[in-house]
Amino acid sequence: MGEITSLAKNAKSFASLRTTIPISIVRQWKLKSKDKLYWEWEIRDGNMVAVVRKHEEKSKRKTQK
């Protein structure tokens, strides 16, 4: 299963691009604005494959006893 998304310029002064995260992924991972994704790249059968995971930041607060 797959989906096609379009790319857009992030800003005039930067070379990076942005895309839309498909709604099926947003719902599955319960994503919201400001969440972070972790991207890895792998070569499989001569093709570059992106592996994307939701980045879970560990709380900086220490638990009090």
C-alpha atoms as a PDB file:
ATOM      1  CA  MET A   1       0.000   0.000   0.000  1.00  0.00           C
ATOM      2  CA  GLY A   2       1.282   3.478  -0.766  1.00  0.00           C
ATOM      3  CA  GLU A   3       0.256   7.051  -1.320  1.00  0.00           C
ATOM      4  CA  ILE A   4       1.592   9.863  -3.504  1.00  0.00           C
ATOM      5  CA  THR A   5       2.306  13.283  -1.988  1.00  0.00           C
ATOM      6  CA  SER A   6       3.583  16.488  -3.600  1.00  0.00           C
ATOM      7  CA  LEU A   7       6.679  18.451  -2.632  1.00  0.00           C
ATOM      8  CA  ALA A   8       6.798  22.193  -2.020  1.00  0.00           C
ATOM      9  CA  LYS A   9       9.616  24.628  -1.280  1.00  0.00           C
ATOM     10  CA  ASN A  10      10.131  25.102   2.432  1.00  0.00           C
ATOM     11  CA  ALA A  11      11.438  28.659   2.110  1.00  0.00           C
ATOM     12  CA  LYS A  12      13.057  30.748  -0.629  1.00  0.00           C
ATOM     13  CA  SER A  13      16.421  30.827   1.138  1.00  0.00           C
ATOM     14  CA  PHE A  14      16.611  27.082   1.892  1.00  0.00           C
ATOM     15  CA  ALA A  15      17.072  24.094  -0.400  1.00  0.00           C
ATOM     16  CA  SER A  16      14.912  21.778   1.712  1.00  0.00           C
ATOM     17  CA  LEU A  17      11.460  20.651   0.608  1.00  0.00           C
ATOM     18  CA  ARG A  18       8.324  19.749   2.549  1.00  0.00           C
ATOM     19  CA  THR A  19       5.535  17.294   1.928  1.00  0.00           C
ATOM     20  CA  THR A  20       2.201  16.300   3.420  1.00  0.00           C
ATOM     21  CA  ILE A  21       2.085  13.303   5.751  1.00  0.00           C
ATOM     22  CA  PRO A  22      -0.735  11.015   4.552  1.00  0.00           C
ATOM     23  CA  ILE A  23      -3.774  11.045   6.858  1.00  0.00           C
ATOM     24  CA  SER A  24      -3.496   7.279   7.381  1.00  0.00           C
ATOM     25  CA  ILE A  25      -0.094   7.798   9.031  1.00  0.00           C
ATOM     26  CA  VAL A  26      -1.318  10.831  11.006  1.00  0.00           C
ATOM     27  CA  ARG A  27      -4.146   8.746  12.445  1.00  0.00           C
ATOM     28  CA  GLN A  28      -2.072   5.599  13.043  1.00  0.00           C
ATOM     29  CA  TRP A  29       0.647   7.473  14.933  1.00  0.00           C
ATOM     30  CA  LYS A  30      -1.734  10.088  16.422  1.00  0.00           C
ATOM     31  CA  LEU A  31       0.468  12.879  15.038  1.00  0.00           C
ATOM     32  CA  LYS A  32      -0.118  16.519  15.755  1.00  0.00           C
ATOM     33  CA  SER A  33       1.568  19.800  14.874  1.00  0.00           C
ATOM     34  CA  LYS A  34       5.124  20.083  16.249  1.00  0.00           C
ATOM     35  CA  ASP A  35       5.601  16.287  16.545  1.00  0.00           C
ATOM     36  CA  LYS A  36       8.911  15.047  15.176  1.00  0.00           C
ATOM     37  CA  LEU A  37       9.700  12.228  12.760  1.00  0.00           C
ATOM     38  CA  TYR A  38      12.970  10.282  12.583  1.00  0.00           C
ATOM     39  CA  TRP A  39      14.135   9.446   9.050  1.00  0.00           C
ATOM     40  CA  GLU A  40      16.601   6.707   8.039  1.00  0.00           C
ATOM     41  CA  TRP A  41      17.686   5.636   4.567  1.00  0.00           C
ATOM     42  CA  GLU A  42      18.488   2.100   3.489  1.00  0.00           C
ATOM     43  CA  ILE A  43      19.495   0.513   0.220  1.00  0.00           C
ATOM     44  CA  ARG A  44      17.259  -2.460  -0.662  1.00  0.00           C
ATOM     45  CA  ASP A  45      17.708  -4.283  -3.962  1.00  0.00           C
ATOM     46  CA  GLY A  46      19.531  -1.246  -5.370  1.00  0.00           C
ATOM     47  CA  ASN A  47      16.778   1.218  -4.354  1.00  0.00           C
ATOM     48  CA  MET A  48      16.988   3.874  -1.662  1.00  0.00           C
ATOM     49  CA  VAL A  49      14.186   3.329   0.869  1.00  0.00           C
ATOM     50  CA  ALA A  50      13.164   5.832   3.532  1.00  0.00           C
ATOM     51  CA  VAL A  51      12.212   4.401   6.923  1.00  0.00           C
ATOM     52  CA  VAL A  52      10.223   6.890   9.004  1.00  0.00           C
ATOM     53  CA  ARG A  53       9.394   6.564  12.682  1.00  0.00           C
ATOM     54  CA  LYS A  54       7.629   8.845  15.127  1.00  0.00           C
ATOM     55  CA  HIS A  55      10.295  10.384  17.350  1.00  0.00           C
ATOM     56  CA  GLU A  56       9.468   9.835  20.999  1.00  0.00           C
ATOM     57  CA  GLU A  57      11.289  12.388  23.130  1.00  0.00           C
ATOM     58  CA  LYS A  58      12.047  11.303  26.643  1.00  0.00           C
ATOM     59  CA  SER A  59      10.817  13.612  29.343  1.00  0.00           C
ATOM     60  CA  LYS A  60      13.476  15.923  30.724  1.00  0.00           C
ATOM     61  CA  ARG A  61      11.721  16.045  34.090  1.00  0.00           C
ATOM     62  CA  LYS A  62      13.130  13.882  36.817  1.00  0.00           C
ATOM     63  CA  THR A  63      10.667  11.903  38.834  1.00  0.00           C
ATOM     64  CA  GLN A  64      10.470  12.970  42.440  1.00  0.00           C
ATOM     65  CA  LYS A  65      10.267  10.432  45.255  1.00  0.00           C
END
